[in-house]
Amino acid sequence: MSGRVRLQARSLKDAMISYLRRHGAPPDHAEIIADVLLEAELRGKETHGLIRLEGIAARYSKDEMGEIKVVRRTGGHLLIDGGNNPGYVVAYLAAQRAIDIARREGSAIVGAMNTNHCGMLGYYADMIRKEDLIGIATCNCYPFTTPLGGTEPVFGTNPVAVGMPTAKEPPLLFDASLASLTIGRMLIQRERGEPLPEGLAYDGEGNPTTDPAEARAVIPFGGHKGYGLMLISQILTTALLGAPITPPRGRDYGILIMAINPEIFVPIDRFKEEVSKLIERVKSSRKADGVEEILIPGERSWRVRQRRLKEGVDVDERIARLLDIGI
């Protein structure tokens, strides 16, 4: 097993930018993608971090990409054709447009189609949160999740992310896949030679499996509740956007991003104070036996981020060599 090398965040990001540029990514694309991947690593979400880098870079040499453009505009709503560009770039631009519109109009809904994987979805909800707006996002990918009671993949892993501005740290950031296992987790387990938990995955013939190399479908999280949310997300990111309801692998994914300015109803400072009061109430509520602390969504990863910004990020030696970092 290869070892690990510790790198500071800035050095790691610069190395990723350089690697992506060497593989044909335009400078602005490389900057965005590297920042999204770095954020995933800083937050301890290795399933959406460096393990994705080689696949992203390969797209620039094998995929034909067109212009990213707005194809429909109605009031505070935009539909973006991603031109088969990486979802990281398309989602970033969609979030930027949502921020601009919500500041001006009070709310925004921005859809994007003709794109692919966008990485850690919470990155884009948090972009919006940092601008004192409420950020909401969902997206799909190629079929990998079964309906409840099925063994055949029909849905993507379809994460949902929500970012809320608060008066105090940590910020509130919910980011969760609606599948019982993410594709990134499967990649990590496969690379490490570790089995999957029982009862979550099926092979191509619909047989239960714990082998990440054989798994072709996983069940939704949360039984009928997760299944219902999965179905809704699939509709919002396909049928609503004019994208295929079952996209092929690596193409024609849909992304839906919303931004809400709290000041359409209340002053922003009041909103943030009330959110923080609720968080304090939650964290100070009675704890079950054996529970030391009640955390809010995103708090654990925020703490990891603060530590890694100071101490650095541990990177696999193979990835360090790939990035041409001296070790």
C-alpha atoms as a PDB file:
ATOM      1  CA  MET A   1       0.000   0.000   0.000  1.00  0.00           C
ATOM      2  CA  SER A   2       1.356   3.429  -0.908  1.00  0.00           C
ATOM      3  CA  GLY A   3       2.080   6.005   1.758  1.00  0.00           C
ATOM      4  CA  ARG A   4       0.795   9.508   2.273  1.00  0.00           C
ATOM      5  CA  VAL A   5       2.362  12.921   1.887  1.00  0.00           C
ATOM      6  CA  ARG A   6       1.045  16.067   3.565  1.00  0.00           C
ATOM      7  CA  LEU A   7       0.555  19.195   1.452  1.00  0.00           C
ATOM      8  CA  GLN A   8      -0.660  22.665   2.271  1.00  0.00           C
ATOM      9  CA  ALA A   9      -3.962  23.621   0.649  1.00  0.00           C
ATOM     10  CA  ARG A  10      -2.489  26.307  -1.613  1.00  0.00           C
ATOM     11  CA  SER A  11       0.253  24.022  -2.903  1.00  0.00           C
ATOM     12  CA  LEU A  12      -2.233  21.234  -3.561  1.00  0.00           C
ATOM     13  CA  LYS A  13      -4.568  23.544  -5.451  1.00  0.00           C
ATOM     14  CA  ASP A  14      -1.727  24.957  -7.564  1.00  0.00           C
ATOM     15  CA  ALA A  15      -0.598  21.427  -8.422  1.00  0.00           C
ATOM     16  CA  MET A  16      -4.122  20.433  -9.479  1.00  0.00           C
ATOM     17  CA  ILE A  17      -4.446  23.536 -11.644  1.00  0.00           C
ATOM     18  CA  SER A  18      -1.137  22.760 -13.325  1.00  0.00           C
ATOM     19  CA  TYR A  19      -2.140  19.125 -13.911  1.00  0.00           C
ATOM     20  CA  LEU A  20      -5.486  20.114 -15.437  1.00  0.00           C
ATOM     21  CA  ARG A  21      -3.833  22.735 -17.646  1.00  0.00           C
ATOM     22  CA  ARG A  22      -1.366  20.122 -18.925  1.00  0.00           C
ATOM     23  CA  HIS A  23      -4.349  17.993 -19.958  1.00  0.00           C
ATOM     24  CA  GLY A  24      -6.045  20.757 -21.886  1.00  0.00           C
ATOM     25  CA  ALA A  25      -8.331  22.464 -19.376  1.00  0.00           C
ATOM     26  CA  PRO A  26      -8.699  26.226 -19.949  1.00  0.00           C
ATOM     27  CA  PRO A  27      -7.319  28.370 -17.097  1.00  0.00           C
ATOM     28  CA  ASP A  28     -10.741  29.331 -15.711  1.00  0.00           C
ATOM     29  CA  HIS A  29     -11.945  25.721 -15.816  1.00  0.00           C
ATOM     30  CA  ALA A  30      -8.811  24.499 -14.056  1.00  0.00           C
ATOM     31  CA  GLU A  31      -9.198  27.107 -11.309  1.00  0.00           C
ATOM     32  CA  ILE A  32     -12.832  26.198 -10.637  1.00  0.00           C
ATOM     33  CA  ILE A  33     -12.342  22.421 -10.727  1.00  0.00           C
ATOM     34  CA  ALA A  34      -9.271  22.538  -8.492  1.00  0.00           C
ATOM     35  CA  ASP A  35     -11.112  24.657  -5.939  1.00  0.00           C
ATOM     36  CA  VAL A  36     -14.105  22.292  -5.811  1.00  0.00           C
ATOM     37  CA  LEU A  37     -11.852  19.233  -5.441  1.00  0.00           C
ATOM     38  CA  LEU A  38      -9.757  20.971  -2.793  1.00  0.00           C
ATOM     39  CA  GLU A  39     -12.851  21.897  -0.806  1.00  0.00           C
ATOM     40  CA  ALA A  40     -13.929  18.254  -0.813  1.00  0.00           C
ATOM     41  CA  GLU A  41     -10.524  17.162   0.477  1.00  0.00           C
ATOM     42  CA  LEU A  42     -10.481  19.876   3.134  1.00  0.00           C
ATOM     43  CA  ARG A  43     -13.863  18.715   4.404  1.00  0.00           C
ATOM     44  CA  GLY A  44     -12.834  15.080   4.529  1.00  0.00           C
ATOM     45  CA  LYS A  45     -15.018  14.111   1.565  1.00  0.00           C
ATOM     46  CA  GLU A  46     -12.367  12.111  -0.263  1.00  0.00           C
ATOM     47  CA  THR A  47     -15.085  10.446  -2.360  1.00  0.00           C
ATOM     48  CA  HIS A  48     -15.416  13.751  -4.230  1.00  0.00           C
ATOM     49  CA  GLY A  49     -11.832  14.940  -4.071  1.00  0.00           C
ATOM     50  CA  LEU A  50      -8.563  13.911  -5.672  1.00  0.00           C
ATOM     51  CA  ILE A  51      -9.856  10.495  -6.688  1.00  0.00           C
ATOM     52  CA  ARG A  52     -11.857  12.304  -9.382  1.00  0.00           C
ATOM     53  CA  LEU A  53      -8.961  14.259 -10.875  1.00  0.00           C
ATOM     54  CA  GLU A  54      -7.724  11.803 -13.510  1.00  0.00           C
ATOM     55  CA  GLY A  55     -11.209  11.195 -14.888  1.00  0.00           C
ATOM     56  CA  ILE A  56     -11.881  14.919 -15.167  1.00  0.00           C
ATOM     57  CA  ALA A  57      -8.578  15.554 -16.940  1.00  0.00           C
ATOM     58  CA  ALA A  58      -9.253  12.730 -19.390  1.00  0.00           C
ATOM     59  CA  ARG A  59     -12.441  14.455 -20.548  1.00  0.00           C
ATOM     60  CA  TYR A  60     -10.467  17.350 -21.982  1.00  0.00           C
ATOM     61  CA  SER A  61      -8.631  15.044 -24.357  1.00  0.00           C
ATOM     62  CA  LYS A  62     -11.522  12.790 -25.393  1.00  0.00           C
ATOM     63  CA  ASP A  63     -14.746  14.830 -25.087  1.00  0.00           C
ATOM     64  CA  GLU A  64     -16.008  17.430 -27.519  1.00  0.00           C
ATOM     65  CA  MET A  65     -17.144  20.498 -25.595  1.00  0.00           C
ATOM     66  CA  GLY A  66     -19.127  23.456 -26.823  1.00  0.00           C
ATOM     67  CA  GLU A  67     -20.148  26.854 -25.529  1.00  0.00           C
ATOM     68  CA  ILE A  68     -21.873  27.204 -22.176  1.00  0.00           C
ATOM     69  CA  LYS A  69     -24.881  29.396 -22.903  1.00  0.00           C
ATOM     70  CA  VAL A  70     -28.262  30.505 -21.604  1.00  0.00           C
ATOM     71  CA  VAL A  71     -30.980  28.985 -23.785  1.00  0.00           C
ATOM     72  CA  ARG A  72     -34.061  30.126 -21.885  1.00  0.00           C
ATOM     73  CA  ARG A  73     -34.684  33.158 -19.677  1.00  0.00           C
ATOM     74  CA  THR A  74     -37.945  34.042 -17.912  1.00  0.00           C
ATOM     75  CA  GLY A  75     -37.807  36.582 -15.100  1.00  0.00           C
ATOM     76  CA  GLY A  76     -35.674  35.164 -12.310  1.00  0.00           C
ATOM     77  CA  HIS A  77     -35.220  31.827 -14.059  1.00  0.00           C
ATOM     78  CA  LEU A  78     -32.502  30.599 -16.408  1.00  0.00           C
ATOM     79  CA  LEU A  79     -31.884  27.395 -18.300  1.00  0.00           C
ATOM     80  CA  ILE A  80     -28.237  26.800 -19.224  1.00  0.00           C
ATOM     81  CA  ASP A  81     -26.926  24.460 -21.906  1.00  0.00           C
ATOM     82  CA  GLY A  82     -23.644  23.221 -20.468  1.00  0.00           C
ATOM     83  CA  GLY A  83     -22.190  22.294 -23.868  1.00  0.00           C
ATOM     84  CA  ASN A  84     -20.973  18.957 -22.451  1.00  0.00           C
ATOM     85  CA  ASN A  85     -18.478  20.844 -20.279  1.00  0.00           C
ATOM     86  CA  PRO A  86     -17.578  19.429 -16.844  1.00  0.00           C
ATOM     87  CA  GLY A  87     -20.370  19.806 -14.325  1.00  0.00           C
ATOM     88  CA  TYR A  88     -17.959  21.517 -11.931  1.00  0.00           C
ATOM     89  CA  VAL A  89     -17.689  24.491 -14.262  1.00  0.00           C
ATOM     90  CA  VAL A  90     -21.342  24.513 -15.302  1.00  0.00           C
ATOM     91  CA  ALA A  91     -22.635  24.294 -11.715  1.00  0.00           C
ATOM     92  CA  TYR A  92     -20.243  27.040 -10.606  1.00  0.00           C
ATOM     93  CA  LEU A  93     -21.471  29.379 -13.334  1.00  0.00           C
ATOM     94  CA  ALA A  94     -25.095  28.436 -12.582  1.00  0.00           C
ATOM     95  CA  ALA A  95     -24.575  29.281  -8.906  1.00  0.00           C
ATOM     96  CA  GLN A  96     -23.009  32.616  -9.846  1.00  0.00           C
ATOM     97  CA  ARG A  97     -25.993  33.469 -12.029  1.00  0.00           C
ATOM     98  CA  ALA A  98     -28.385  32.418  -9.260  1.00  0.00           C
ATOM     99  CA  ILE A  99     -26.596  34.746  -6.820  1.00  0.00           C
ATOM    100  CA  ASP A 100     -26.788  37.694  -9.217  1.00  0.00           C
ATOM    101  CA  ILE A 101     -30.475  37.147  -9.933  1.00  0.00           C
ATOM    102  CA  ALA A 102     -31.464  36.606  -6.279  1.00  0.00           C
ATOM    103  CA  ARG A 103     -29.741  39.809  -5.236  1.00  0.00           C
ATOM    104  CA  ARG A 104     -31.731  41.668  -7.860  1.00  0.00           C
ATOM    105  CA  GLU A 105     -35.054  39.812  -7.914  1.00  0.00           C
ATOM    106  CA  GLY A 106     -35.197  38.214  -4.454  1.00  0.00           C
ATOM    107  CA  SER A 107     -35.024  34.617  -5.675  1.00  0.00           C
ATOM    108  CA  ALA A 108     -33.661  32.608  -8.557  1.00  0.00           C
ATOM    109  CA  ILE A 109     -34.003  29.183 -10.126  1.00  0.00           C
ATOM    110  CA  VAL A 110     -31.231  28.162 -12.505  1.00  0.00           C
ATOM    111  CA  GLY A 111     -31.270  24.847 -14.331  1.00  0.00           C
ATOM    112  CA  ALA A 112     -28.411  23.358 -16.327  1.00  0.00           C
ATOM    113  CA  MET A 113     -28.428  20.420 -18.712  1.00  0.00           C
ATOM    114  CA  ASN A 114     -26.034  18.839 -21.228  1.00  0.00           C
ATOM    115  CA  THR A 115     -23.282  18.499 -18.612  1.00  0.00           C
ATOM    116  CA  ASN A 116     -21.862  15.832 -16.297  1.00  0.00           C
ATOM    117  CA  HIS A 117     -20.614  15.176 -12.751  1.00  0.00           C
ATOM    118  CA  CYS A 118     -20.258  18.359 -10.679  1.00  0.00           C
ATOM    119  CA  GLY A 119     -18.474  16.959  -7.624  1.00  0.00           C
ATOM    120  CA  MET A 120     -19.374  17.962  -4.077  1.00  0.00           C
ATOM    121  CA  LEU A 121     -22.802  19.525  -4.543  1.00  0.00           C
ATOM    122  CA  GLY A 122     -22.574  21.371  -1.232  1.00  0.00           C
ATOM    123  CA  TYR A 123     -19.826  23.543  -2.703  1.00  0.00           C
ATOM    124  CA  TYR A 124     -22.387  25.394  -4.813  1.00  0.00           C
ATOM    125  CA  ALA A 125     -24.986  25.725  -2.066  1.00  0.00           C
ATOM    126  CA  ASP A 126     -22.217  27.124   0.140  1.00  0.00           C
ATOM    127  CA  MET A 127     -21.195  29.595  -2.573  1.00  0.00           C
ATOM    128  CA  ILE A 128     -24.693  31.010  -2.303  1.00  0.00           C
ATOM    129  CA  ARG A 129     -24.720  30.866   1.509  1.00  0.00           C
ATOM    130  CA  LYS A 130     -21.525  32.952   1.639  1.00  0.00           C
ATOM    131  CA  GLU A 131     -23.444  35.750  -0.128  1.00  0.00           C
ATOM    132  CA  ASP A 132     -26.083  35.845   2.661  1.00  0.00           C
ATOM    133  CA  LEU A 133     -28.549  33.927   0.518  1.00  0.00           C
ATOM    134  CA  ILE A 134     -30.168  30.539   1.007  1.00  0.00           C
ATOM    135  CA  GLY A 135     -28.709  28.048  -1.455  1.00  0.00           C
ATOM    136  CA  ILE A 136     -30.533  24.887  -2.542  1.00  0.00           C
ATOM    137  CA  ALA A 137     -29.269  22.408  -5.124  1.00  0.00           C
ATOM    138  CA  THR A 138     -29.860  18.941  -6.502  1.00  0.00           C
ATOM    139  CA  CYS A 139     -28.446  17.031  -9.466  1.00  0.00           C
ATOM    140  CA  ASN A 140     -28.503  13.616 -11.110  1.00  0.00           C
ATOM    141  CA  CYS A 141     -26.091  11.265 -12.859  1.00  0.00           C
ATOM    142  CA  TYR A 142     -26.198   7.989 -14.771  1.00  0.00           C
ATOM    143  CA  PRO A 143     -28.535   5.304 -13.335  1.00  0.00           C
ATOM    144  CA  PHE A 144     -27.006   3.777 -10.226  1.00  0.00           C
ATOM    145  CA  THR A 145     -29.824   3.647  -7.654  1.00  0.00           C
ATOM    146  CA  THR A 146     -32.794   1.286  -7.604  1.00  0.00           C
ATOM    147  CA  PRO A 147     -36.400   2.127  -6.843  1.00  0.00           C
ATOM    148  CA  LEU A 148     -37.624   0.764  -3.516  1.00  0.00           C
ATOM    149  CA  GLY A 149     -37.974  -2.993  -3.889  1.00  0.00           C
ATOM    150  CA  GLY A 150     -36.082  -3.120  -7.202  1.00  0.00           C
ATOM    151  CA  THR A 151     -32.653  -4.438  -8.179  1.00  0.00           C
ATOM    152  CA  GLU A 152     -32.142  -2.490 -11.422  1.00  0.00           C
ATOM    153  CA  PRO A 153     -30.603   1.026 -11.464  1.00  0.00           C
ATOM    154  CA  VAL A 154     -33.086   3.713 -12.507  1.00  0.00           C
ATOM    155  CA  PHE A 155     -31.983   6.897 -10.701  1.00  0.00           C
ATOM    156  CA  GLY A 156     -28.678   8.647 -10.193  1.00  0.00           C
ATOM    157  CA  THR A 157     -27.262   9.075  -6.689  1.00  0.00           C
ATOM    158  CA  ASN A 158     -29.013  12.476  -6.676  1.00  0.00           C
ATOM    159  CA  PRO A 159     -27.600  14.496  -3.776  1.00  0.00           C
ATOM    160  CA  VAL A 160     -29.445  17.415  -2.194  1.00  0.00           C
ATOM    161  CA  ALA A 161     -27.559  20.358  -0.665  1.00  0.00           C
ATOM    162  CA  VAL A 162     -28.793  23.355   1.329  1.00  0.00           C
ATOM    163  CA  GLY A 163     -26.714  26.227   2.687  1.00  0.00           C
ATOM    164  CA  MET A 164     -28.114  28.686   5.244  1.00  0.00           C
ATOM    165  CA  PRO A 165     -26.507  31.970   6.312  1.00  0.00           C
ATOM    166  CA  THR A 166     -25.974  32.182  10.074  1.00  0.00           C
ATOM    167  CA  ALA A 167     -24.895  34.858  12.535  1.00  0.00           C
ATOM    168  CA  LYS A 168     -22.219  32.622  14.052  1.00  0.00           C
ATOM    169  CA  GLU A 169     -19.922  29.842  12.967  1.00  0.00           C
ATOM    170  CA  PRO A 170     -20.140  27.054  12.068  1.00  0.00           C
ATOM    171  CA  PRO A 171     -22.215  27.689   8.941  1.00  0.00           C
ATOM    172  CA  LEU A 172     -25.141  25.382   8.251  1.00  0.00           C
ATOM    173  CA  LEU A 173     -24.492  23.217   5.215  1.00  0.00           C
ATOM    174  CA  PHE A 174     -26.525  20.085   4.522  1.00  0.00           C
ATOM    175  CA  ASP A 175     -25.125  17.912   1.719  1.00  0.00           C
ATOM    176  CA  ALA A 176     -26.211  14.315   1.308  1.00  0.00           C
ATOM    177  CA  SER A 177     -26.696  11.760  -1.440  1.00  0.00           C
ATOM    178  CA  LEU A 178     -30.127  10.166  -1.670  1.00  0.00           C
ATOM    179  CA  ALA A 179     -28.458   6.818  -2.409  1.00  0.00           C
ATOM    180  CA  SER A 180     -27.294   4.441   0.320  1.00  0.00           C
ATOM    181  CA  LEU A 181     -23.772   4.587  -1.156  1.00  0.00           C
ATOM    182  CA  THR A 182     -22.191   7.166  -3.438  1.00  0.00           C
ATOM    183  CA  ILE A 183     -20.260   6.263  -6.563  1.00  0.00           C
ATOM    184  CA  GLY A 184     -17.234   7.943  -4.992  1.00  0.00           C
ATOM    185  CA  ARG A 185     -17.476   5.647  -1.973  1.00  0.00           C
ATOM    186  CA  MET A 186     -17.544   2.670  -4.330  1.00  0.00           C
ATOM    187  CA  LEU A 187     -14.365   3.947  -6.008  1.00  0.00           C
ATOM    188  CA  ILE A 188     -12.630   4.349  -2.649  1.00  0.00           C
ATOM    189  CA  GLN A 189     -13.677   0.885  -1.460  1.00  0.00           C
ATOM    190  CA  ARG A 190     -12.534  -0.657  -4.750  1.00  0.00           C
ATOM    191  CA  GLU A 191      -9.147   1.070  -4.595  1.00  0.00           C
ATOM    192  CA  ARG A 192      -8.634  -0.108  -1.016  1.00  0.00           C
ATOM    193  CA  GLY A 193      -9.884  -3.623  -1.690  1.00  0.00           C
ATOM    194  CA  GLU A 194     -12.558  -3.271   0.995  1.00  0.00           C
ATOM    195  CA  PRO A 195     -16.037  -4.865   0.803  1.00  0.00           C
ATOM    196  CA  LEU A 196     -19.293  -2.939   0.804  1.00  0.00           C
ATOM    197  CA  PRO A 197     -21.810  -3.279   3.642  1.00  0.00           C
ATOM    198  CA  GLU A 198     -24.274  -6.100   3.083  1.00  0.00           C
ATOM    199  CA  GLY A 199     -27.742  -5.423   1.763  1.00  0.00           C
ATOM    200  CA  LEU A 200     -26.976  -2.197  -0.112  1.00  0.00           C
ATOM    201  CA  ALA A 201     -25.718  -3.202  -3.574  1.00  0.00           C
ATOM    202  CA  TYR A 202     -26.568  -5.467  -6.535  1.00  0.00           C
ATOM    203  CA  ASP A 203     -24.476  -6.744  -9.411  1.00  0.00           C
ATOM    204  CA  GLY A 204     -25.421  -6.504 -13.087  1.00  0.00           C
ATOM    205  CA  GLU A 205     -27.719  -9.542 -12.820  1.00  0.00           C
ATOM    206  CA  GLY A 206     -29.616  -8.187  -9.826  1.00  0.00           C
ATOM    207  CA  ASN A 207     -27.850 -10.393  -7.267  1.00  0.00           C
ATOM    208  CA  PRO A 208     -26.811  -8.952  -3.891  1.00  0.00           C
ATOM    209  CA  THR A 209     -23.086  -8.187  -3.710  1.00  0.00           C
ATOM    210  CA  THR A 210     -20.516  -6.697  -1.357  1.00  0.00           C
ATOM    211  CA  ASP A 211     -17.832  -6.486  -4.068  1.00  0.00           C
ATOM    212  CA  PRO A 212     -17.386  -2.848  -5.157  1.00  0.00           C
ATOM    213  CA  ALA A 213     -15.980  -4.027  -8.489  1.00  0.00           C
ATOM    214  CA  GLU A 214     -19.166  -5.976  -9.217  1.00  0.00           C
ATOM    215  CA  ALA A 215     -21.750  -3.517  -7.878  1.00  0.00           C
ATOM    216  CA  ARG A 216     -23.924  -1.915 -10.556  1.00  0.00           C
ATOM    217  CA  ALA A 217     -26.772  -0.580  -8.402  1.00  0.00           C
ATOM    218  CA  VAL A 218     -27.425   0.481  -4.821  1.00  0.00           C
ATOM    219  CA  ILE A 219     -30.651   1.028  -2.901  1.00  0.00           C
ATOM    220  CA  PRO A 220     -31.949   4.473  -1.859  1.00  0.00           C
ATOM    221  CA  PHE A 221     -31.236   5.652   1.681  1.00  0.00           C
ATOM    222  CA  GLY A 222     -34.059   5.802   4.195  1.00  0.00           C
ATOM    223  CA  GLY A 223     -36.511   3.295   2.742  1.00  0.00           C
ATOM    224  CA  HIS A 224     -39.671   4.757   1.231  1.00  0.00           C
ATOM    225  CA  LYS A 225     -38.790   8.300   2.311  1.00  0.00           C
ATOM    226  CA  GLY A 226     -35.453   8.337   0.518  1.00  0.00           C
ATOM    227  CA  TYR A 227     -37.029   6.636  -2.478  1.00  0.00           C
ATOM    228  CA  GLY A 228     -39.694   9.352  -2.703  1.00  0.00           C
ATOM    229  CA  LEU A 229     -37.107  12.123  -2.527  1.00  0.00           C
ATOM    230  CA  MET A 230     -35.020  10.321  -5.144  1.00  0.00           C
ATOM    231  CA  LEU A 231     -37.950  10.219  -7.564  1.00  0.00           C
ATOM    232  CA  ILE A 232     -38.646  13.932  -7.024  1.00  0.00           C
ATOM    233  CA  SER A 233     -34.989  14.882  -7.525  1.00  0.00           C
ATOM    234  CA  GLN A 234     -34.858  12.836 -10.732  1.00  0.00           C
ATOM    235  CA  ILE A 235     -37.867  14.693 -12.131  1.00  0.00           C
ATOM    236  CA  LEU A 236     -36.502  18.125 -11.149  1.00  0.00           C
ATOM    237  CA  THR A 237     -33.140  17.446 -12.802  1.00  0.00           C
ATOM    238  CA  THR A 238     -34.390  15.754 -15.976  1.00  0.00           C
ATOM    239  CA  ALA A 239     -37.989  16.289 -17.086  1.00  0.00           C
ATOM    240  CA  LEU A 240     -38.076  19.861 -15.763  1.00  0.00           C
ATOM    241  CA  LEU A 241     -34.892  20.813 -17.616  1.00  0.00           C
ATOM    242  CA  GLY A 242     -35.511  18.968 -20.868  1.00  0.00           C
ATOM    243  CA  ALA A 243     -32.737  16.492 -20.040  1.00  0.00           C
ATOM    244  CA  PRO A 244     -32.949  12.691 -20.510  1.00  0.00           C
ATOM    245  CA  ILE A 245     -34.769  10.979 -17.627  1.00  0.00           C
ATOM    246  CA  THR A 246     -32.107   8.231 -17.650  1.00  0.00           C
ATOM    247  CA  PRO A 247     -28.867   9.836 -18.904  1.00  0.00           C
ATOM    248  CA  PRO A 248     -25.957   7.767 -20.221  1.00  0.00           C
ATOM    249  CA  ARG A 249     -22.800   7.544 -18.163  1.00  0.00           C
ATOM    250  CA  GLY A 250     -20.876  10.801 -18.204  1.00  0.00           C
ATOM    251  CA  ARG A 251     -23.305  12.783 -20.384  1.00  0.00           C
ATOM    252  CA  ASP A 252     -26.569  14.732 -20.291  1.00  0.00           C
ATOM    253  CA  TYR A 253     -26.805  15.190 -16.520  1.00  0.00           C
ATOM    254  CA  GLY A 254     -29.056  17.870 -15.062  1.00  0.00           C
ATOM    255  CA  ILE A 255     -28.402  20.347 -12.237  1.00  0.00           C
ATOM    256  CA  LEU A 256     -30.985  22.545 -10.487  1.00  0.00           C
ATOM    257  CA  ILE A 257     -29.811  25.413  -8.281  1.00  0.00           C
ATOM    258  CA  MET A 258     -31.973  27.843  -6.331  1.00  0.00           C
ATOM    259  CA  ALA A 259     -31.088  30.983  -4.389  1.00  0.00           C
ATOM    260  CA  ILE A 260     -33.418  32.816  -2.000  1.00  0.00           C
ATOM    261  CA  ASN A 261     -32.742  36.237  -0.516  1.00  0.00           C
ATOM    262  CA  PRO A 262     -34.168  36.207   3.035  1.00  0.00           C
ATOM    263  CA  GLU A 263     -34.814  39.936   2.739  1.00  0.00           C
ATOM    264  CA  ILE A 264     -37.851  39.301   0.577  1.00  0.00           C
ATOM    265  CA  PHE A 265     -39.468  38.557   3.961  1.00  0.00           C
ATOM    266  CA  VAL A 266     -37.223  39.747   6.832  1.00  0.00           C
ATOM    267  CA  PRO A 267     -33.988  41.732   7.300  1.00  0.00           C
ATOM    268  CA  ILE A 268     -30.957  39.519   6.733  1.00  0.00           C
ATOM    269  CA  ASP A 269     -29.486  40.173  10.195  1.00  0.00           C
ATOM    270  CA  ARG A 270     -32.716  39.106  11.840  1.00  0.00           C
ATOM    271  CA  PHE A 271     -32.856  35.951   9.727  1.00  0.00           C
ATOM    272  CA  LYS A 272     -29.276  34.998  10.563  1.00  0.00           C
ATOM    273  CA  GLU A 273     -29.810  35.625  14.276  1.00  0.00           C
ATOM    274  CA  GLU A 274     -32.939  33.462  14.320  1.00  0.00           C
ATOM    275  CA  VAL A 275     -31.172  30.642  12.487  1.00  0.00           C
ATOM    276  CA  SER A 276     -28.304  30.799  14.981  1.00  0.00           C
ATOM    277  CA  LYS A 277     -30.749  30.801  17.904  1.00  0.00           C
ATOM    278  CA  LEU A 278     -32.346  27.656  16.565  1.00  0.00           C
ATOM    279  CA  ILE A 279     -28.935  26.042  16.136  1.00  0.00           C
ATOM    280  CA  GLU A 280     -28.042  26.918  19.741  1.00  0.00           C
ATOM    281  CA  ARG A 281     -31.347  25.446  20.916  1.00  0.00           C
ATOM    282  CA  VAL A 282     -30.653  22.255  18.980  1.00  0.00           C
ATOM    283  CA  LYS A 283     -27.124  21.914  20.322  1.00  0.00           C
ATOM    284  CA  SER A 284     -28.143  22.599  23.910  1.00  0.00           C
ATOM    285  CA  SER A 285     -31.078  20.173  23.893  1.00  0.00           C
ATOM    286  CA  ARG A 286     -31.085  17.053  26.091  1.00  0.00           C
ATOM    287  CA  LYS A 287     -28.664  14.391  24.862  1.00  0.00           C
ATOM    288  CA  ALA A 288     -29.238  10.670  24.687  1.00  0.00           C
ATOM    289  CA  ASP A 289     -27.070   8.385  26.798  1.00  0.00           C
ATOM    290  CA  GLY A 290     -23.569   8.140  25.399  1.00  0.00           C
ATOM    291  CA  VAL A 291     -23.871  11.249  23.213  1.00  0.00           C
ATOM    292  CA  GLU A 292     -21.243  13.891  23.984  1.00  0.00           C
ATOM    293  CA  GLU A 293     -22.393  16.574  21.562  1.00  0.00           C
ATOM    294  CA  ILE A 294     -25.223  17.289  19.159  1.00  0.00           C
ATOM    295  CA  LEU A 295     -23.885  18.502  15.815  1.00  0.00           C
ATOM    296  CA  ILE A 296     -25.641  20.422  13.057  1.00  0.00           C
ATOM    297  CA  PRO A 297     -25.366  19.418   9.376  1.00  0.00           C
ATOM    298  CA  GLY A 298     -21.922  20.256   8.053  1.00  0.00           C
ATOM    299  CA  GLU A 299     -20.356  20.948  11.449  1.00  0.00           C
ATOM    300  CA  ARG A 300     -18.081  17.917  11.557  1.00  0.00           C
ATOM    301  CA  SER A 301     -16.722  18.568   8.053  1.00  0.00           C
ATOM    302  CA  TRP A 302     -16.321  22.277   8.892  1.00  0.00           C
ATOM    303  CA  ARG A 303     -14.116  21.353  11.837  1.00  0.00           C
ATOM    304  CA  VAL A 304     -12.067  19.031   9.622  1.00  0.00           C
ATOM    305  CA  ARG A 305     -11.708  21.893   7.157  1.00  0.00           C
ATOM    306  CA  GLN A 306     -10.431  24.305   9.819  1.00  0.00           C
ATOM    307  CA  ARG A 307      -7.841  21.766  10.949  1.00  0.00           C
ATOM    308  CA  ARG A 308      -6.659  20.852   7.454  1.00  0.00           C
ATOM    309  CA  LEU A 309      -6.294  24.488   6.456  1.00  0.00           C
ATOM    310  CA  LYS A 310      -3.750  24.769   9.277  1.00  0.00           C
ATOM    311  CA  GLU A 311      -2.114  21.347   9.170  1.00  0.00           C
ATOM    312  CA  GLY A 312      -2.376  20.428   5.487  1.00  0.00           C
ATOM    313  CA  VAL A 313      -4.042  17.640   3.504  1.00  0.00           C
ATOM    314  CA  ASP A 314      -2.729  14.077   3.429  1.00  0.00           C
ATOM    315  CA  VAL A 315      -2.413  12.944  -0.187  1.00  0.00           C
ATOM    316  CA  ASP A 316      -1.716   9.442  -1.486  1.00  0.00           C
ATOM    317  CA  GLU A 317       1.843   9.156  -2.869  1.00  0.00           C
ATOM    318  CA  ARG A 318       0.502   7.954  -6.206  1.00  0.00           C
ATOM    319  CA  ILE A 319      -1.562  11.116  -6.565  1.00  0.00           C
ATOM    320  CA  ALA A 320       1.395  13.249  -5.473  1.00  0.00           C
ATOM    321  CA  ARG A 321       3.516  11.691  -8.231  1.00  0.00           C
ATOM    322  CA  LEU A 322       0.669  12.205 -10.701  1.00  0.00           C
ATOM    323  CA  LEU A 323       0.644  15.891  -9.778  1.00  0.00           C
ATOM    324  CA  ASP A 324       4.428  16.023 -10.185  1.00  0.00           C
ATOM    325  CA  ILE A 325       4.897  17.011  -6.550  1.00  0.00           C
ATOM    326  CA  GLY A 326       8.309  16.158  -5.141  1.00  0.00           C
ATOM    327  CA  ILE A 327       8.083  13.618  -2.318  1.00  0.00           C
END
